[in-house]
Amino acid sequence: MGAMQGTQPEGQQRDRDAYVHVTDADVHAARDAWWRAQSEDPASERTATLHESYRQIVHAQAQQIAEEFRAAHAR
């Protein structure tokens, strides 16, 4: 995930100081880390934490895609 202080997709206004751009590689890395932890110890706190991180990254990317779509189709 690349945090870009003060940098946002063109044409978008945000109330936050930082914009985080989530890439497919970020999603894949989070998924792979969770899968590895799941295979080692499915009931561990680490596995649960990695799953939650993966879920949050997927959610952030979905929101990012929706925002980009809305910006591209704004009238």
N, C-alpha and C. Protein backbone atom coordinates (compact mmCIF):
# COMPACT_ATOMS: atom_id res chain seq x y z
N MET A 1 0.85 -1.16 0.00
CA MET A 1 0.00 0.00 0.00
C MET A 1 0.89 1.22 0.00
N GLY A 2 0.59 2.12 -0.85
CA GLY A 2 1.40 3.32 -0.90
C GLY A 2 0.67 4.49 -0.29
N ALA A 3 1.16 5.00 0.80
CA ALA A 3 0.58 6.20 1.41
C ALA A 3 1.23 7.40 0.76
N MET A 4 0.43 8.25 0.21
CA MET A 4 0.94 9.41 -0.48
C MET A 4 0.40 10.65 0.22
N GLN A 5 1.22 11.27 1.04
CA GLN A 5 0.78 12.42 1.81
C GLN A 5 0.28 13.52 0.89
N GLY A 6 -0.97 13.88 1.06
CA GLY A 6 -1.54 14.98 0.32
C GLY A 6 -1.80 14.70 -1.15
N THR A 7 -1.50 13.51 -1.64
CA THR A 7 -1.70 13.18 -3.04
C THR A 7 -2.95 12.34 -3.19
N GLN A 8 -3.84 12.77 -4.05
CA GLN A 8 -5.10 12.07 -4.27
C GLN A 8 -5.32 11.94 -5.76
N PRO A 9 -6.18 10.99 -6.15
CA PRO A 9 -6.51 10.92 -7.57
C PRO A 9 -7.03 12.27 -8.06
N GLU A 10 -6.65 12.63 -9.25
CA GLU A 10 -7.04 13.90 -9.81
C GLU A 10 -8.55 14.10 -9.76
N GLY A 11 -8.99 15.28 -9.37
CA GLY A 11 -10.40 15.60 -9.36
C GLY A 11 -11.14 15.17 -8.10
N GLN A 12 -10.46 14.55 -7.16
CA GLN A 12 -11.13 14.12 -5.94
C GLN A 12 -10.71 14.99 -4.78
N GLN A 13 -11.67 15.36 -3.95
CA GLN A 13 -11.40 16.12 -2.74
C GLN A 13 -11.62 15.21 -1.56
N ARG A 14 -10.74 15.28 -0.58
CA ARG A 14 -10.86 14.47 0.63
C ARG A 14 -10.65 15.35 1.85
N ASP A 15 -11.23 14.91 2.95
CA ASP A 15 -11.05 15.62 4.21
C ASP A 15 -9.83 15.12 4.97
N ARG A 16 -9.23 14.05 4.51
CA ARG A 16 -8.09 13.46 5.19
C ARG A 16 -6.79 14.07 4.70
N ASP A 17 -5.75 13.95 5.53
CA ASP A 17 -4.43 14.46 5.15
C ASP A 17 -3.70 13.49 4.23
N ALA A 18 -4.00 12.20 4.31
CA ALA A 18 -3.29 11.21 3.51
C ALA A 18 -4.28 10.39 2.70
N TYR A 19 -3.85 9.98 1.54
CA TYR A 19 -4.64 9.09 0.70
C TYR A 19 -3.81 7.83 0.50
N VAL A 20 -4.40 6.68 0.74
CA VAL A 20 -3.71 5.41 0.58
C VAL A 20 -4.24 4.74 -0.67
N HIS A 21 -3.34 4.40 -1.59
CA HIS A 21 -3.72 3.72 -2.82
C HIS A 21 -3.44 2.23 -2.63
N VAL A 22 -4.47 1.39 -2.71
CA VAL A 22 -4.33 -0.06 -2.54
C VAL A 22 -4.21 -0.69 -3.92
N THR A 23 -3.15 -1.45 -4.11
CA THR A 23 -2.92 -2.12 -5.39
C THR A 23 -3.35 -3.59 -5.31
N ASP A 24 -3.46 -4.22 -6.47
CA ASP A 24 -3.74 -5.65 -6.51
C ASP A 24 -2.63 -6.42 -5.78
N ALA A 25 -1.40 -5.94 -5.91
CA ALA A 25 -0.28 -6.60 -5.24
C ALA A 25 -0.44 -6.54 -3.72
N ASP A 26 -0.97 -5.44 -3.21
CA ASP A 26 -1.24 -5.32 -1.77
C ASP A 26 -2.25 -6.37 -1.33
N VAL A 27 -3.31 -6.51 -2.11
CA VAL A 27 -4.36 -7.49 -1.79
C VAL A 27 -3.78 -8.90 -1.82
N HIS A 28 -3.01 -9.21 -2.85
CA HIS A 28 -2.42 -10.55 -2.97
C HIS A 28 -1.45 -10.84 -1.83
N ALA A 29 -0.64 -9.86 -1.45
CA ALA A 29 0.31 -10.06 -0.35
C ALA A 29 -0.42 -10.31 0.96
N ALA A 30 -1.47 -9.56 1.21
CA ALA A 30 -2.26 -9.75 2.44
C ALA A 30 -2.93 -11.12 2.45
N ARG A 31 -3.48 -11.51 1.30
CA ARG A 31 -4.13 -12.82 1.19
C ARG A 31 -3.12 -13.95 1.42
N ASP A 32 -1.96 -13.83 0.79
CA ASP A 32 -0.94 -14.87 0.92
C ASP A 32 -0.45 -15.00 2.36
N ALA A 33 -0.26 -13.87 3.04
CA ALA A 33 0.17 -13.91 4.44
C ALA A 33 -0.88 -14.59 5.31
N TRP A 34 -2.13 -14.27 5.07
CA TRP A 34 -3.22 -14.90 5.82
C TRP A 34 -3.27 -16.39 5.54
N TRP A 35 -3.18 -16.79 4.26
CA TRP A 35 -3.22 -18.21 3.90
C TRP A 35 -2.07 -18.99 4.55
N ARG A 36 -0.88 -18.39 4.55
CA ARG A 36 0.27 -19.07 5.19
C ARG A 36 0.01 -19.26 6.68
N ALA A 37 -0.47 -18.23 7.34
CA ALA A 37 -0.77 -18.32 8.77
C ALA A 37 -1.87 -19.35 9.01
N GLN A 38 -2.86 -19.37 8.15
CA GLN A 38 -3.98 -20.31 8.26
C GLN A 38 -3.47 -21.76 8.18
N SER A 39 -2.52 -22.01 7.30
CA SER A 39 -2.00 -23.38 7.14
C SER A 39 -1.12 -23.78 8.32
N GLU A 40 -0.48 -22.79 8.97
CA GLU A 40 0.40 -23.08 10.10
C GLU A 40 -0.37 -23.27 11.41
N ASP A 41 -1.33 -22.37 11.65
CA ASP A 41 -2.09 -22.43 12.91
C ASP A 41 -3.41 -21.69 12.74
N PRO A 42 -4.44 -22.41 12.29
CA PRO A 42 -5.72 -21.77 11.97
C PRO A 42 -6.37 -21.05 13.15
N ALA A 43 -6.09 -21.47 14.37
CA ALA A 43 -6.77 -20.89 15.53
C ALA A 43 -5.97 -19.78 16.21
N SER A 44 -4.83 -19.41 15.66
CA SER A 44 -3.96 -18.43 16.34
C SER A 44 -4.50 -17.01 16.21
N GLU A 45 -4.07 -16.18 17.13
CA GLU A 45 -4.41 -14.75 17.10
C GLU A 45 -3.80 -14.10 15.86
N ARG A 46 -2.61 -14.55 15.49
CA ARG A 46 -1.94 -14.01 14.30
C ARG A 46 -2.79 -14.26 13.05
N THR A 47 -3.33 -15.47 12.92
CA THR A 47 -4.17 -15.80 11.77
C THR A 47 -5.40 -14.91 11.76
N ALA A 48 -6.01 -14.71 12.91
CA ALA A 48 -7.20 -13.85 13.00
C ALA A 48 -6.85 -12.41 12.63
N THR A 49 -5.72 -11.94 13.10
CA THR A 49 -5.29 -10.57 12.80
C THR A 49 -5.00 -10.40 11.31
N LEU A 50 -4.32 -11.37 10.72
CA LEU A 50 -4.03 -11.30 9.29
C LEU A 50 -5.31 -11.38 8.45
N HIS A 51 -6.27 -12.17 8.90
CA HIS A 51 -7.54 -12.24 8.18
C HIS A 51 -8.26 -10.89 8.23
N GLU A 52 -8.26 -10.26 9.39
CA GLU A 52 -8.90 -8.95 9.53
C GLU A 52 -8.18 -7.91 8.67
N SER A 53 -6.86 -7.96 8.64
CA SER A 53 -6.10 -7.04 7.79
C SER A 53 -6.43 -7.25 6.32
N TYR A 54 -6.50 -8.49 5.91
CA TYR A 54 -6.85 -8.82 4.53
C TYR A 54 -8.24 -8.28 4.20
N ARG A 55 -9.20 -8.50 5.10
CA ARG A 55 -10.56 -8.02 4.89
C ARG A 55 -10.59 -6.50 4.74
N GLN A 56 -9.85 -5.81 5.58
CA GLN A 56 -9.81 -4.34 5.52
C GLN A 56 -9.16 -3.85 4.23
N ILE A 57 -8.12 -4.51 3.77
CA ILE A 57 -7.46 -4.11 2.53
C ILE A 57 -8.38 -4.31 1.33
N VAL A 58 -9.10 -5.44 1.31
CA VAL A 58 -10.06 -5.69 0.22
C VAL A 58 -11.15 -4.63 0.25
N HIS A 59 -11.63 -4.31 1.42
CA HIS A 59 -12.67 -3.28 1.56
C HIS A 59 -12.16 -1.92 1.08
N ALA A 60 -10.94 -1.58 1.48
CA ALA A 60 -10.37 -0.29 1.07
C ALA A 60 -10.21 -0.23 -0.45
N GLN A 61 -9.78 -1.33 -1.06
CA GLN A 61 -9.63 -1.33 -2.52
C GLN A 61 -10.99 -1.21 -3.20
N ALA A 62 -12.00 -1.87 -2.66
CA ALA A 62 -13.34 -1.77 -3.25
C ALA A 62 -13.84 -0.33 -3.17
N GLN A 63 -13.63 0.32 -2.05
CA GLN A 63 -14.04 1.72 -1.91
C GLN A 63 -13.27 2.61 -2.88
N GLN A 64 -11.99 2.33 -3.02
CA GLN A 64 -11.15 3.10 -3.94
C GLN A 64 -11.66 2.96 -5.37
N ILE A 65 -11.98 1.73 -5.78
CA ILE A 65 -12.48 1.50 -7.14
C ILE A 65 -13.80 2.22 -7.34
N ALA A 66 -14.68 2.17 -6.33
CA ALA A 66 -15.97 2.86 -6.43
C ALA A 66 -15.77 4.37 -6.56
N GLU A 67 -14.84 4.93 -5.76
CA GLU A 67 -14.58 6.37 -5.84
C GLU A 67 -14.03 6.75 -7.21
N GLU A 68 -13.13 5.94 -7.73
CA GLU A 68 -12.56 6.22 -9.05
C GLU A 68 -13.63 6.13 -10.13
N PHE A 69 -14.53 5.16 -10.01
CA PHE A 69 -15.62 5.02 -10.97
C PHE A 69 -16.54 6.23 -10.92
N ARG A 70 -16.92 6.63 -9.70
CA ARG A 70 -17.79 7.80 -9.57
C ARG A 70 -17.14 9.06 -10.12
N ALA A 71 -15.84 9.22 -9.86
CA ALA A 71 -15.14 10.40 -10.37
C ALA A 71 -15.09 10.38 -11.90
N ALA A 72 -14.91 9.21 -12.47
CA ALA A 72 -14.82 9.09 -13.93
C ALA A 72 -16.17 9.31 -14.60
N HIS A 73 -17.25 9.05 -13.89
CA HIS A 73 -18.59 9.16 -14.46
C HIS A 73 -19.41 10.29 -13.88
N ALA A 74 -18.75 11.23 -13.23
CA ALA A 74 -19.45 12.39 -12.64
C ALA A 74 -19.95 13.29 -13.78
N ARG A 75 -21.08 13.84 -13.54
CA ARG A 75 -21.65 14.73 -14.57
C ARG A 75 -21.53 16.15 -14.16
